[in-house]
Amino acid sequence: MRGSAPSYTPGGGVLFYATGGGAYAKLDNRFSTTNSVNSFADNGRTNGWGYVAGGGAEAMLTRNISLGLEYLYTDIQDDDFVVNVGPGTAPPTNPFLLDGGGTDIKRGDDHFRTHSVRASLNFRF
């Protein structure tokens, strides 16, 4: 069947499956510091694209009731977030201002990764 996730049914009313696809997220970024002499400006919300992959199992308990367990891994790449450091009230010898400019701060890792596990109790009618 085109477009469906791979699945395997060993019998006995148990279904194993794999799933995956593209992912999109609007990320609300924040930056804070105790530095009160420089000015800091960030670009706030950014959009990230990535993927989700996982798998699970579902077992029939009765003719109408099943129990499921699913694991999902999500990886969103957000390399657009930046914090611009400006002079504020800092003297010209401030390390952020050396070499005649400001400093841009970016994350050490531009991937936002999550793991999730979901259990379900399903009723079919």
PDB file of N, CA and C in Angstrom:
ATOM      1  N   MET A   1       0.848  -1.165   0.000  1.00  0.00           N
ATOM      2  CA  MET A   1       0.000   0.000   0.000  1.00  0.00           C
ATOM      3  C   MET A   1       0.899   1.236   0.000  1.00  0.00           C
ATOM      4  N   ARG A   2       0.747   2.121  -0.898  1.00  0.00           N
ATOM      5  CA  ARG A   2       1.582   3.309  -1.036  1.00  0.00           C
ATOM      6  C   ARG A   2       1.274   4.318   0.061  1.00  0.00           C
ATOM      7  N   GLY A   3       2.342   4.873   0.687  1.00  0.00           N
ATOM      8  CA  GLY A   3       2.182   5.910   1.695  1.00  0.00           C
ATOM      9  C   GLY A   3       1.936   5.400   3.098  1.00  0.00           C
ATOM     10  N   SER A   4       1.893   4.088   3.294  1.00  0.00           N
ATOM     11  CA  SER A   4       1.643   3.581   4.641  1.00  0.00           C
ATOM     12  C   SER A   4       2.966   3.227   5.311  1.00  0.00           C
ATOM     13  N   ALA A   5       2.950   3.209   6.649  1.00  0.00           N
ATOM     14  CA  ALA A   5       4.132   2.843   7.404  1.00  0.00           C
ATOM     15  C   ALA A   5       4.285   1.324   7.393  1.00  0.00           C
ATOM     16  N   PRO A   6       5.528   0.830   7.433  1.00  0.00           N
ATOM     17  CA  PRO A   6       5.718  -0.613   7.476  1.00  0.00           C
ATOM     18  C   PRO A   6       5.147  -1.178   8.774  1.00  0.00           C
ATOM     19  N   SER A   7       4.549  -2.352   8.688  1.00  0.00           N
ATOM     20  CA  SER A   7       4.018  -2.993   9.881  1.00  0.00           C
ATOM     21  C   SER A   7       4.209  -4.501   9.778  1.00  0.00           C
ATOM     22  N   TYR A   8       4.171  -5.155  10.936  1.00  0.00           N
ATOM     23  CA  TYR A   8       4.337  -6.596  11.002  1.00  0.00           C
ATOM     24  C   TYR A   8       3.353  -7.137  12.027  1.00  0.00           C
ATOM     25  N   THR A   9       2.594  -8.140  11.637  1.00  0.00           N
ATOM     26  CA  THR A   9       1.624  -8.769  12.529  1.00  0.00           C
ATOM     27  C   THR A   9       2.013 -10.229  12.714  1.00  0.00           C
ATOM     28  N   PRO A  10       2.564 -10.576  13.919  1.00  0.00           N
ATOM     29  CA  PRO A  10       2.971 -11.963  14.137  1.00  0.00           C
ATOM     30  C   PRO A  10       1.817 -12.893  14.467  1.00  0.00           C
ATOM     31  N   GLY A  11       0.621 -12.361  14.590  1.00  0.00           N
ATOM     32  CA  GLY A  11      -0.528 -13.184  14.974  1.00  0.00           C
ATOM     33  C   GLY A  11      -0.861 -12.937  16.436  1.00  0.00           C
ATOM     34  N   GLY A  12      -1.974 -13.466  16.862  1.00  0.00           N
ATOM     35  CA  GLY A  12      -2.357 -13.285  18.252  1.00  0.00           C
ATOM     36  C   GLY A  12      -2.872 -11.903  18.560  1.00  0.00           C
ATOM     37  N   GLY A  13      -3.201 -11.114  17.550  1.00  0.00           N
ATOM     38  CA  GLY A  13      -3.758  -9.789  17.772  1.00  0.00           C
ATOM     39  C   GLY A  13      -2.755  -8.717  18.136  1.00  0.00           C
ATOM     40  N   VAL A  14      -1.469  -8.856  17.756  1.00  0.00           N
ATOM     41  CA  VAL A  14      -0.439  -7.858  18.044  1.00  0.00           C
ATOM     42  C   VAL A  14       0.066  -7.282  16.727  1.00  0.00           C
ATOM     43  N   LEU A  15       0.184  -5.968  16.662  1.00  0.00           N
ATOM     44  CA  LEU A  15       0.678  -5.270  15.478  1.00  0.00           C
ATOM     45  C   LEU A  15       1.894  -4.445  15.867  1.00  0.00           C
ATOM     46  N   PHE A  16       2.998  -4.616  15.151  1.00  0.00           N
ATOM     47  CA  PHE A  16       4.193  -3.796  15.324  1.00  0.00           C
ATOM     48  C   PHE A  16       4.295  -2.876  14.113  1.00  0.00           C
ATOM     49  N   TYR A  17       4.724  -1.626  14.327  1.00  0.00           N
ATOM     50  CA  TYR A  17       4.804  -0.699  13.197  1.00  0.00           C
ATOM     51  C   TYR A  17       5.941   0.295  13.370  1.00  0.00           C
ATOM     52  N   ALA A  18       6.349   0.869  12.248  1.00  0.00           N
ATOM     53  CA  ALA A  18       7.333   1.950  12.207  1.00  0.00           C
ATOM     54  C   ALA A  18       6.655   3.151  11.569  1.00  0.00           C
ATOM     55  N   THR A  19       7.049   4.343  11.989  1.00  0.00           N
ATOM     56  CA  THR A  19       6.454   5.551  11.444  1.00  0.00           C
ATOM     57  C   THR A  19       7.516   6.641  11.332  1.00  0.00           C
ATOM     58  N   GLY A  20       7.265   7.623  10.511  1.00  0.00           N
ATOM     59  CA  GLY A  20       8.206   8.727  10.354  1.00  0.00           C
ATOM     60  C   GLY A  20       7.691   9.734   9.353  1.00  0.00           C
ATOM     61  N   GLY A  21       8.341  10.880   9.328  1.00  0.00           N
ATOM     62  CA  GLY A  21       7.965  11.915   8.378  1.00  0.00           C
ATOM     63  C   GLY A  21       8.627  13.231   8.703  1.00  0.00           C
ATOM     64  N   GLY A  22       8.211  14.252   7.987  1.00  0.00           N
ATOM     65  CA  GLY A  22       8.744  15.596   8.189  1.00  0.00           C
ATOM     66  C   GLY A  22       8.122  16.247   9.416  1.00  0.00           C
ATOM     67  N   ALA A  23       8.840  17.236   9.975  1.00  0.00           N
ATOM     68  CA  ALA A  23       8.349  17.952  11.154  1.00  0.00           C
ATOM     69  C   ALA A  23       8.631  19.440  10.985  1.00  0.00           C
ATOM     70  N   TYR A  24       7.718  20.264  11.509  1.00  0.00           N
ATOM     71  CA  TYR A  24       7.854  21.723  11.466  1.00  0.00           C
ATOM     72  C   TYR A  24       7.503  22.267  12.844  1.00  0.00           C
ATOM     73  N   ALA A  25       8.239  23.273  13.304  1.00  0.00           N
ATOM     74  CA  ALA A  25       7.952  23.860  14.616  1.00  0.00           C
ATOM     75  C   ALA A  25       8.230  25.356  14.594  1.00  0.00           C
ATOM     76  N   LYS A  26       7.393  26.113  15.305  1.00  0.00           N
ATOM     77  CA  LYS A  26       7.677  27.517  15.588  1.00  0.00           C
ATOM     78  C   LYS A  26       8.290  27.545  16.972  1.00  0.00           C
ATOM     79  N   LEU A  27       9.523  28.007  17.075  1.00  0.00           N
ATOM     80  CA  LEU A  27      10.253  27.997  18.337  1.00  0.00           C
ATOM     81  C   LEU A  27      10.284  29.396  18.930  1.00  0.00           C
ATOM     82  N   ASP A  28       9.956  29.497  20.198  1.00  0.00           N
ATOM     83  CA  ASP A  28       9.961  30.774  20.916  1.00  0.00           C
ATOM     84  C   ASP A  28      11.260  30.834  21.714  1.00  0.00           C
ATOM     85  N   ASN A  29      12.289  31.465  21.146  1.00  0.00           N
ATOM     86  CA  ASN A  29      13.614  31.514  21.750  1.00  0.00           C
ATOM     87  C   ASN A  29      13.709  32.643  22.770  1.00  0.00           C
ATOM     88  N   ARG A  30      14.542  32.428  23.785  1.00  0.00           N
ATOM     89  CA  ARG A  30      14.785  33.449  24.804  1.00  0.00           C
ATOM     90  C   ARG A  30      16.261  33.488  25.140  1.00  0.00           C
ATOM     91  N   PHE A  31      16.729  34.670  25.527  1.00  0.00           N
ATOM     92  CA  PHE A  31      18.111  34.856  25.951  1.00  0.00           C
ATOM     93  C   PHE A  31      18.093  35.738  27.190  1.00  0.00           C
ATOM     94  N   SER A  32      18.872  35.367  28.195  1.00  0.00           N
ATOM     95  CA  SER A  32      18.976  36.214  29.386  1.00  0.00           C
ATOM     96  C   SER A  32      20.430  36.258  29.835  1.00  0.00           C
ATOM     97  N   THR A  33      20.798  37.346  30.499  1.00  0.00           N
ATOM     98  CA  THR A  33      22.156  37.524  30.977  1.00  0.00           C
ATOM     99  C   THR A  33      22.155  38.467  32.176  1.00  0.00           C
ATOM    100  N   THR A  34      23.210  38.400  32.958  1.00  0.00           N
ATOM    101  CA  THR A  34      23.387  39.355  34.061  1.00  0.00           C
ATOM    102  C   THR A  34      24.260  40.528  33.623  1.00  0.00           C
ATOM    103  N   ASN A  35      24.736  40.509  32.404  1.00  0.00           N
ATOM    104  CA  ASN A  35      25.543  41.608  31.857  1.00  0.00           C
ATOM    105  C   ASN A  35      24.633  42.816  31.671  1.00  0.00           C
ATOM    106  N   SER A  36      24.902  43.883  32.395  1.00  0.00           N
ATOM    107  CA  SER A  36      24.039  45.065  32.316  1.00  0.00           C
ATOM    108  C   SER A  36      24.673  46.227  31.565  1.00  0.00           C
ATOM    109  N   VAL A  37      25.879  46.051  31.031  1.00  0.00           N
ATOM    110  CA  VAL A  37      26.524  47.158  30.322  1.00  0.00           C
ATOM    111  C   VAL A  37      26.383  47.062  28.813  1.00  0.00           C
ATOM    112  N   ASN A  38      26.251  45.868  28.269  1.00  0.00           N
ATOM    113  CA  ASN A  38      26.054  45.725  26.827  1.00  0.00           C
ATOM    114  C   ASN A  38      24.564  45.674  26.523  1.00  0.00           C
ATOM    115  N   SER A  39      24.222  45.918  25.267  1.00  0.00           N
ATOM    116  CA  SER A  39      22.838  45.736  24.824  1.00  0.00           C
ATOM    117  C   SER A  39      22.752  44.409  24.076  1.00  0.00           C
ATOM    118  N   PHE A  40      21.607  43.735  24.216  1.00  0.00           N
ATOM    119  CA  PHE A  40      21.416  42.433  23.590  1.00  0.00           C
ATOM    120  C   PHE A  40      20.092  42.435  22.852  1.00  0.00           C
ATOM    121  N   ALA A  41      20.107  41.999  21.605  1.00  0.00           N
ATOM    122  CA  ALA A  41      18.887  41.912  20.807  1.00  0.00           C
ATOM    123  C   ALA A  41      18.861  40.542  20.137  1.00  0.00           C
ATOM    124  N   ASP A  42      17.747  39.837  20.281  1.00  0.00           N
ATOM    125  CA  ASP A  42      17.635  38.541  19.609  1.00  0.00           C
ATOM    126  C   ASP A  42      16.474  38.585  18.626  1.00  0.00           C
ATOM    127  N   ASN A  43      16.440  37.613  17.745  1.00  0.00           N
ATOM    128  CA  ASN A  43      15.387  37.582  16.740  1.00  0.00           C
ATOM    129  C   ASN A  43      14.204  36.735  17.166  1.00  0.00           C
ATOM    130  N   GLY A  44      14.091  36.411  18.477  1.00  0.00           N
ATOM    131  CA  GLY A  44      12.889  35.792  19.040  1.00  0.00           C
ATOM    132  C   GLY A  44      12.441  34.516  18.379  1.00  0.00           C
ATOM    133  N   ARG A  45      11.241  34.534  17.859  1.00  0.00           N
ATOM    134  CA  ARG A  45      10.671  33.332  17.249  1.00  0.00           C
ATOM    135  C   ARG A  45      11.359  32.989  15.942  1.00  0.00           C
ATOM    136  N   THR A  46      11.575  31.693  15.779  1.00  0.00           N
ATOM    137  CA  THR A  46      12.139  31.200  14.524  1.00  0.00           C
ATOM    138  C   THR A  46      11.349  29.960  14.111  1.00  0.00           C
ATOM    139  N   ASN A  47      11.496  29.591  12.866  1.00  0.00           N
ATOM    140  CA  ASN A  47      10.841  28.396  12.329  1.00  0.00           C
ATOM    141  C   ASN A  47      11.889  27.316  12.134  1.00  0.00           C
ATOM    142  N   GLY A  48      11.546  26.101  12.478  1.00  0.00           N
ATOM    143  CA  GLY A  48      12.480  25.002  12.311  1.00  0.00           C
ATOM    144  C   GLY A  48      11.842  23.845  11.565  1.00  0.00           C
ATOM    145  N   TRP A  49      12.646  23.185  10.761  1.00  0.00           N
ATOM    146  CA  TRP A  49      12.209  21.998  10.025  1.00  0.00           C
ATOM    147  C   TRP A  49      13.061  20.823  10.463  1.00  0.00           C
ATOM    148  N   GLY A  50      12.509  19.634  10.377  1.00  0.00           N
ATOM    149  CA  GLY A  50      13.256  18.451  10.746  1.00  0.00           C
ATOM    150  C   GLY A  50      12.486  17.194  10.406  1.00  0.00           C
ATOM    151  N   TYR A  51      12.637  16.198  11.246  1.00  0.00           N
ATOM    152  CA  TYR A  51      11.971  14.924  10.988  1.00  0.00           C
ATOM    153  C   TYR A  51      11.560  14.273  12.305  1.00  0.00           C
ATOM    154  N   VAL A  52      10.665  13.323  12.192  1.00  0.00           N
ATOM    155  CA  VAL A  52      10.231  12.508  13.322  1.00  0.00           C
ATOM    156  C   VAL A  52      10.281  11.047  12.873  1.00  0.00           C
ATOM    157  N   ALA A  53      10.749  10.171  13.762  1.00  0.00           N
ATOM    158  CA  ALA A  53      10.835   8.739  13.448  1.00  0.00           C
ATOM    159  C   ALA A  53      10.546   7.945  14.714  1.00  0.00           C
ATOM    160  N   GLY A  54       9.965   6.792  14.536  1.00  0.00           N
ATOM    161  CA  GLY A  54       9.674   5.967  15.707  1.00  0.00           C
ATOM    162  C   GLY A  54       8.978   4.689  15.333  1.00  0.00           C
ATOM    163  N   GLY A  55       8.391   4.080  16.331  1.00  0.00           N
ATOM    164  CA  GLY A  55       7.688   2.828  16.124  1.00  0.00           C
ATOM    165  C   GLY A  55       6.862   2.482  17.339  1.00  0.00           C
ATOM    166  N   GLY A  56       6.105   1.431  17.196  1.00  0.00           N
ATOM    167  CA  GLY A  56       5.256   1.047  18.311  1.00  0.00           C
ATOM    168  C   GLY A  56       4.641  -0.320  18.118  1.00  0.00           C
ATOM    169  N   ALA A  57       3.757  -0.617  19.063  1.00  0.00           N
ATOM    170  CA  ALA A  57       3.036  -1.889  19.022  1.00  0.00           C
ATOM    171  C   ALA A  57       1.636  -1.658  19.560  1.00  0.00           C
ATOM    172  N   GLU A  58       0.693  -2.441  19.050  1.00  0.00           N
ATOM    173  CA  GLU A  58      -0.683  -2.399  19.531  1.00  0.00           C
ATOM    174  C   GLU A  58      -1.177  -3.833  19.661  1.00  0.00           C
ATOM    175  N   ALA A  59      -1.767  -4.135  20.810  1.00  0.00           N
ATOM    176  CA  ALA A  59      -2.249  -5.484  21.081  1.00  0.00           C
ATOM    177  C   ALA A  59      -3.735  -5.443  21.374  1.00  0.00           C
ATOM    178  N   MET A  60      -4.483  -6.327  20.744  1.00  0.00           N
ATOM    179  CA  MET A  60      -5.919  -6.453  21.004  1.00  0.00           C
ATOM    180  C   MET A  60      -6.112  -7.192  22.323  1.00  0.00           C
ATOM    181  N   LEU A  61      -6.845  -6.561  23.260  1.00  0.00           N
ATOM    182  CA  LEU A  61      -7.154  -7.212  24.528  1.00  0.00           C
ATOM    183  C   LEU A  61      -8.479  -7.960  24.453  1.00  0.00           C
ATOM    184  N   THR A  62      -9.452  -7.324  23.797  1.00  0.00           N
ATOM    185  CA  THR A  62     -10.745  -7.945  23.516  1.00  0.00           C
ATOM    186  C   THR A  62     -11.086  -7.606  22.078  1.00  0.00           C
ATOM    187  N   ARG A  63     -12.272  -7.954  21.634  1.00  0.00           N
ATOM    188  CA  ARG A  63     -12.678  -7.651  20.255  1.00  0.00           C
ATOM    189  C   ARG A  63     -12.720  -6.139  19.997  1.00  0.00           C
ATOM    190  N   ASN A  64     -13.026  -5.328  21.002  1.00  0.00           N
ATOM    191  CA  ASN A  64     -13.180  -3.889  20.811  1.00  0.00           C
ATOM    192  C   ASN A  64     -12.133  -3.046  21.534  1.00  0.00           C
ATOM    193  N   ILE A  65     -11.279  -3.623  22.340  1.00  0.00           N
ATOM    194  CA  ILE A  65     -10.331  -2.852  23.140  1.00  0.00           C
ATOM    195  C   ILE A  65      -8.906  -3.291  22.827  1.00  0.00           C
ATOM    196  N   SER A  66      -8.036  -2.290  22.617  1.00  0.00           N
ATOM    197  CA  SER A  66      -6.618  -2.580  22.384  1.00  0.00           C
ATOM    198  C   SER A  66      -5.763  -1.662  23.244  1.00  0.00           C
ATOM    199  N   LEU A  67      -4.542  -2.089  23.466  1.00  0.00           N
ATOM    200  CA  LEU A  67      -3.564  -1.342  24.241  1.00  0.00           C
ATOM    201  C   LEU A  67      -2.368  -1.088  23.345  1.00  0.00           C
ATOM    202  N   GLY A  68      -1.876   0.161  23.320  1.00  0.00           N
ATOM    203  CA  GLY A  68      -0.763   0.508  22.446  1.00  0.00           C
ATOM    204  C   GLY A  68       0.367   1.202  23.184  1.00  0.00           C
ATOM    205  N   LEU A  69       1.561   1.121  22.622  1.00  0.00           N
ATOM    206  CA  LEU A  69       2.741   1.805  23.138  1.00  0.00           C
ATOM    207  C   LEU A  69       3.538   2.288  21.934  1.00  0.00           C
ATOM    208  N   GLU A  70       3.921   3.578  21.953  1.00  0.00           N
ATOM    209  CA  GLU A  70       4.612   4.179  20.814  1.00  0.00           C
ATOM    210  C   GLU A  70       5.765   5.052  21.302  1.00  0.00           C
ATOM    211  N   TYR A  71       6.890   5.010  20.578  1.00  0.00           N
ATOM    212  CA  TYR A  71       8.055   5.857  20.840  1.00  0.00           C
ATOM    213  C   TYR A  71       8.292   6.739  19.614  1.00  0.00           C
ATOM    214  N   LEU A  72       8.556   8.034  19.846  1.00  0.00           N
ATOM    215  CA  LEU A  72       8.872   8.960  18.757  1.00  0.00           C
ATOM    216  C   LEU A  72      10.118   9.775  19.097  1.00  0.00           C
ATOM    217  N   TYR A  73      11.002   9.914  18.126  1.00  0.00           N
ATOM    218  CA  TYR A  73      12.181  10.779  18.223  1.00  0.00           C
ATOM    219  C   TYR A  73      11.973  11.921  17.245  1.00  0.00           C
ATOM    220  N   THR A  74      12.130  13.154  17.718  1.00  0.00           N
ATOM    221  CA  THR A  74      11.955  14.328  16.865  1.00  0.00           C
ATOM    222  C   THR A  74      13.241  15.136  16.869  1.00  0.00           C
ATOM    223  N   ASP A  75      13.686  15.571  15.690  1.00  0.00           N
ATOM    224  CA  ASP A  75      14.886  16.399  15.546  1.00  0.00           C
ATOM    225  C   ASP A  75      14.525  17.589  14.664  1.00  0.00           C
ATOM    226  N   ILE A  76      14.514  18.778  15.275  1.00  0.00           N
ATOM    227  CA  ILE A  76      14.211  20.024  14.562  1.00  0.00           C
ATOM    228  C   ILE A  76      15.494  20.844  14.474  1.00  0.00           C
ATOM    229  N   GLN A  77      15.836  21.312  13.285  1.00  0.00           N
ATOM    230  CA  GLN A  77      17.021  22.151  13.128  1.00  0.00           C
ATOM    231  C   GLN A  77      16.604  23.614  13.136  1.00  0.00           C
ATOM    232  N   ASP A  78      17.240  24.388  14.024  1.00  0.00           N
ATOM    233  CA  ASP A  78      16.957  25.819  14.142  1.00  0.00           C
ATOM    234  C   ASP A  78      18.282  26.569  14.177  1.00  0.00           C
ATOM    235  N   ASP A  79      18.826  26.864  13.000  1.00  0.00           N
ATOM    236  CA  ASP A  79      20.099  27.578  12.945  1.00  0.00           C
ATOM    237  C   ASP A  79      19.913  29.069  12.673  1.00  0.00           C
ATOM    238  N   ASP A  80      18.677  29.573  12.786  1.00  0.00           N
ATOM    239  CA  ASP A  80      18.398  30.986  12.520  1.00  0.00           C
ATOM    240  C   ASP A  80      18.505  31.875  13.753  1.00  0.00           C
ATOM    241  N   PHE A  81      18.468  31.306  14.961  1.00  0.00           N
ATOM    242  CA  PHE A  81      18.440  32.124  16.171  1.00  0.00           C
ATOM    243  C   PHE A  81      19.817  32.724  16.449  1.00  0.00           C
ATOM    244  N   VAL A  82      19.850  34.024  16.642  1.00  0.00           N
ATOM    245  CA  VAL A  82      21.098  34.731  16.936  1.00  0.00           C
ATOM    246  C   VAL A  82      20.813  35.872  17.910  1.00  0.00           C
ATOM    247  N   VAL A  83      21.774  36.143  18.783  1.00  0.00           N
ATOM    248  CA  VAL A  83      21.711  37.273  19.698  1.00  0.00           C
ATOM    249  C   VAL A  83      22.806  38.236  19.291  1.00  0.00           C
ATOM    250  N   ASN A  84      22.437  39.467  18.972  1.00  0.00           N
ATOM    251  CA  ASN A  84      23.395  40.509  18.598  1.00  0.00           C
ATOM    252  C   ASN A  84      23.772  41.295  19.847  1.00  0.00           C
ATOM    253  N   VAL A  85      25.076  41.373  20.139  1.00  0.00           N
ATOM    254  CA  VAL A  85      25.565  42.122  21.289  1.00  0.00           C
ATOM    255  C   VAL A  85      26.022  43.482  20.798  1.00  0.00           C
ATOM    256  N   GLY A  86      25.462  44.523  21.392  1.00  0.00           N
ATOM    257  CA  GLY A  86      25.821  45.892  21.039  1.00  0.00           C
ATOM    258  C   GLY A  86      26.557  46.586  22.174  1.00  0.00           C
ATOM    259  N   PRO A  87      26.956  47.840  21.959  1.00  0.00           N
ATOM    260  CA  PRO A  87      27.780  48.539  22.944  1.00  0.00           C
ATOM    261  C   PRO A  87      27.059  48.877  24.251  1.00  0.00           C
ATOM    262  N   GLY A  88      25.783  49.219  24.204  1.00  0.00           N
ATOM    263  CA  GLY A  88      25.116  49.650  25.439  1.00  0.00           C
ATOM    264  C   GLY A  88      25.912  50.766  26.086  1.00  0.00           C
ATOM    265  N   THR A  89      26.219  50.638  27.361  1.00  0.00           N
ATOM    266  CA  THR A  89      27.037  51.637  28.070  1.00  0.00           C
ATOM    267  C   THR A  89      28.445  51.125  28.302  1.00  0.00           C
ATOM    268  N   ALA A  90      28.842  50.056  27.647  1.00  0.00           N
ATOM    269  CA  ALA A  90      30.157  49.447  27.855  1.00  0.00           C
ATOM    270  C   ALA A  90      31.260  50.317  27.260  1.00  0.00           C
ATOM    271  N   PRO A  91      32.430  50.329  27.899  1.00  0.00           N
ATOM    272  CA  PRO A  91      33.567  51.077  27.335  1.00  0.00           C
ATOM    273  C   PRO A  91      34.114  50.365  26.105  1.00  0.00           C
ATOM    274  N   PRO A  92      34.888  51.050  25.272  1.00  0.00           N
ATOM    275  CA  PRO A  92      35.430  50.449  24.048  1.00  0.00           C
ATOM    276  C   PRO A  92      36.340  49.244  24.309  1.00  0.00           C
ATOM    277  N   THR A  93      36.820  49.087  25.524  1.00  0.00           N
ATOM    278  CA  THR A  93      37.691  47.953  25.846  1.00  0.00           C
ATOM    279  C   THR A  93      36.901  46.700  26.209  1.00  0.00           C
ATOM    280  N   ASN A  94      35.574  46.784  26.161  1.00  0.00           N
ATOM    281  CA  ASN A  94      34.730  45.639  26.470  1.00  0.00           C
ATOM    282  C   ASN A  94      35.022  44.521  25.473  1.00  0.00           C
ATOM    283  N   PRO A  95      35.199  43.268  25.943  1.00  0.00           N
ATOM    284  CA  PRO A  95      35.565  42.166  25.028  1.00  0.00           C
ATOM    285  C   PRO A  95      34.584  41.944  23.885  1.00  0.00           C
ATOM    286  N   PHE A  96      33.298  42.265  24.092  1.00  0.00           N
ATOM    287  CA  PHE A  96      32.320  42.089  23.010  1.00  0.00           C
ATOM    288  C   PHE A  96      32.507  43.114  21.892  1.00  0.00           C
ATOM    289  N   LEU A  97      33.235  44.191  22.166  1.00  0.00           N
ATOM    290  CA  LEU A  97      33.336  45.288  21.203  1.00  0.00           C
ATOM    291  C   LEU A  97      34.706  45.408  20.554  1.00  0.00           C
ATOM    292  N   LEU A  98      35.641  44.576  20.923  1.00  0.00           N
ATOM    293  CA  LEU A  98      36.983  44.663  20.349  1.00  0.00           C
ATOM    294  C   LEU A  98      36.947  44.421  18.846  1.00  0.00           C
ATOM    295  N   ASP A  99      37.927  44.878  18.146  1.00  0.00           N
ATOM    296  CA  ASP A  99      38.050  44.758  16.696  1.00  0.00           C
ATOM    297  C   ASP A  99      36.976  45.547  15.968  1.00  0.00           C
ATOM    298  N   GLY A 100      36.448  46.605  16.603  1.00  0.00           N
ATOM    299  CA  GLY A 100      35.571  47.553  15.928  1.00  0.00           C
ATOM    300  C   GLY A 100      34.162  47.098  15.638  1.00  0.00           C
ATOM    301  N   GLY A 101      33.662  46.100  16.285  1.00  0.00           N
ATOM    302  CA  GLY A 101      32.299  45.669  15.997  1.00  0.00           C
ATOM    303  C   GLY A 101      31.633  45.047  17.196  1.00  0.00           C
ATOM    304  N   GLY A 102      30.490  44.504  16.967  1.00  0.00           N
ATOM    305  CA  GLY A 102      29.771  43.800  18.018  1.00  0.00           C
ATOM    306  C   GLY A 102      30.040  42.314  17.915  1.00  0.00           C
ATOM    307  N   THR A 103      29.300  41.551  18.665  1.00  0.00           N
ATOM    308  CA  THR A 103      29.450  40.106  18.668  1.00  0.00           C
ATOM    309  C   THR A 103      28.085  39.476  18.438  1.00  0.00           C
ATOM    310  N   ASP A 104      28.047  38.423  17.657  1.00  0.00           N
ATOM    311  CA  ASP A 104      26.824  37.644  17.480  1.00  0.00           C
ATOM    312  C   ASP A 104      26.985  36.335  18.236  1.00  0.00           C
ATOM    313  N   ILE A 105      25.974  36.002  19.023  1.00  0.00           N
ATOM    314  CA  ILE A 105      26.001  34.768  19.800  1.00  0.00           C
ATOM    315  C   ILE A 105      25.017  33.784  19.173  1.00  0.00           C
ATOM    316  N   LYS A 106      25.515  32.584  18.885  1.00  0.00           N
ATOM    317  CA  LYS A 106      24.658  31.510  18.360  1.00  0.00           C
ATOM    318  C   LYS A 106      24.751  30.330  19.300  1.00  0.00           C
ATOM    319  N   ARG A 107      23.788  29.449  19.204  1.00  0.00           N
ATOM    320  CA  ARG A 107      23.793  28.229  20.017  1.00  0.00           C
ATOM    321  C   ARG A 107      24.992  27.355  19.683  1.00  0.00           C
ATOM    322  N   GLY A 108      25.407  26.577  20.665  1.00  0.00           N
ATOM    323  CA  GLY A 108      26.451  25.593  20.424  1.00  0.00           C
ATOM    324  C   GLY A 108      25.926  24.429  19.604  1.00  0.00           C
ATOM    325  N   ASP A 109      24.635  24.138  19.726  1.00  0.00           N
ATOM    326  CA  ASP A 109      24.002  23.054  18.983  1.00  0.00           C
ATOM    327  C   ASP A 109      22.686  23.585  18.431  1.00  0.00           C
ATOM    328  N   ASP A 110      22.524  23.582  17.135  1.00  0.00           N
ATOM    329  CA  ASP A 110      21.323  24.162  16.530  1.00  0.00           C
ATOM    330  C   ASP A 110      20.212  23.141  16.300  1.00  0.00           C
ATOM    331  N   HIS A 111      20.310  21.988  16.945  1.00  0.00           N
ATOM    332  CA  HIS A 111      19.255  20.970  16.848  1.00  0.00           C
ATOM    333  C   HIS A 111      18.461  20.918  18.148  1.00  0.00           C
ATOM    334  N   PHE A 112      17.146  20.867  18.024  1.00  0.00           N
ATOM    335  CA  PHE A 112      16.238  20.696  19.152  1.00  0.00           C
ATOM    336  C   PHE A 112      15.710  19.278  19.049  1.00  0.00           C
ATOM    337  N   ARG A 113      16.092  18.441  20.009  1.00  0.00           N
ATOM    338  CA  ARG A 113      15.746  17.013  19.949  1.00  0.00           C
ATOM    339  C   ARG A 113      14.832  16.642  21.110  1.00  0.00           C
ATOM    340  N   THR A 114      13.826  15.832  20.823  1.00  0.00           N
ATOM    341  CA  THR A 114      12.941  15.348  21.877  1.00  0.00           C
ATOM    342  C   THR A 114      12.666  13.856  21.688  1.00  0.00           C
ATOM    343  N   HIS A 115      12.377  13.218  22.790  1.00  0.00           N
ATOM    344  CA  HIS A 115      11.960  11.821  22.805  1.00  0.00           C
ATOM    345  C   HIS A 115      10.597  11.780  23.483  1.00  0.00           C
ATOM    346  N   SER A 116       9.696  10.992  22.968  1.00  0.00           N
ATOM    347  CA  SER A 116       8.391  10.862  23.619  1.00  0.00           C
ATOM    348  C   SER A 116       7.922   9.414  23.563  1.00  0.00           C
ATOM    349  N   VAL A 117       7.229   9.041  24.620  1.00  0.00           N
ATOM    350  CA  VAL A 117       6.635   7.715  24.710  1.00  0.00           C
ATOM    351  C   VAL A 117       5.159   7.923  25.019  1.00  0.00           C
ATOM    352  N   ARG A 118       4.304   7.217  24.296  1.00  0.00           N
ATOM    353  CA  ARG A 118       2.859   7.362  24.479  1.00  0.00           C
ATOM    354  C   ARG A 118       2.240   5.989  24.630  1.00  0.00           C
ATOM    355  N   ALA A 119       1.418   5.879  25.657  1.00  0.00           N
ATOM    356  CA  ALA A 119       0.625   4.667  25.843  1.00  0.00           C
ATOM    357  C   ALA A 119      -0.825   5.012  25.514  1.00  0.00           C
ATOM    358  N   SER A 120      -1.543   4.071  24.916  1.00  0.00           N
ATOM    359  CA  SER A 120      -2.939   4.339  24.548  1.00  0.00           C
ATOM    360  C   SER A 120      -3.821   3.143  24.877  1.00  0.00           C
ATOM    361  N   LEU A 121      -5.028   3.466  25.245  1.00  0.00           N
ATOM    362  CA  LEU A 121      -6.075   2.471  25.436  1.00  0.00           C
ATOM    363  C   LEU A 121      -7.155   2.831  24.435  1.00  0.00           C
ATOM    364  N   ASN A 122      -7.440   1.954  23.497  1.00  0.00           N
ATOM    365  CA  ASN A 122      -8.323   2.254  22.367  1.00  0.00           C
ATOM    366  C   ASN A 122      -9.603   1.425  22.441  1.00  0.00           C
ATOM    367  N   PHE A 123     -10.699   2.068  22.106  1.00  0.00           N
ATOM    368  CA  PHE A 123     -11.996   1.395  22.042  1.00  0.00           C
ATOM    369  C   PHE A 123     -12.537   1.510  20.631  1.00  0.00           C
ATOM    370  N   ARG A 124     -12.844   0.415  20.015  1.00  0.00           N
ATOM    371  CA  ARG A 124     -13.386   0.394  18.659  1.00  0.00           C
ATOM    372  C   ARG A 124     -14.881   0.064  18.706  1.00  0.00           C
ATOM    373  N   PHE A 125     -15.670   0.834  17.985  1.00  0.00           N
ATOM    374  CA  PHE A 125     -17.119   0.597  17.996  1.00  0.00           C
ATOM    375  C   PHE A 125     -17.645   0.525  16.598  1.00  0.00           C
TER     376      PHE A 125
END
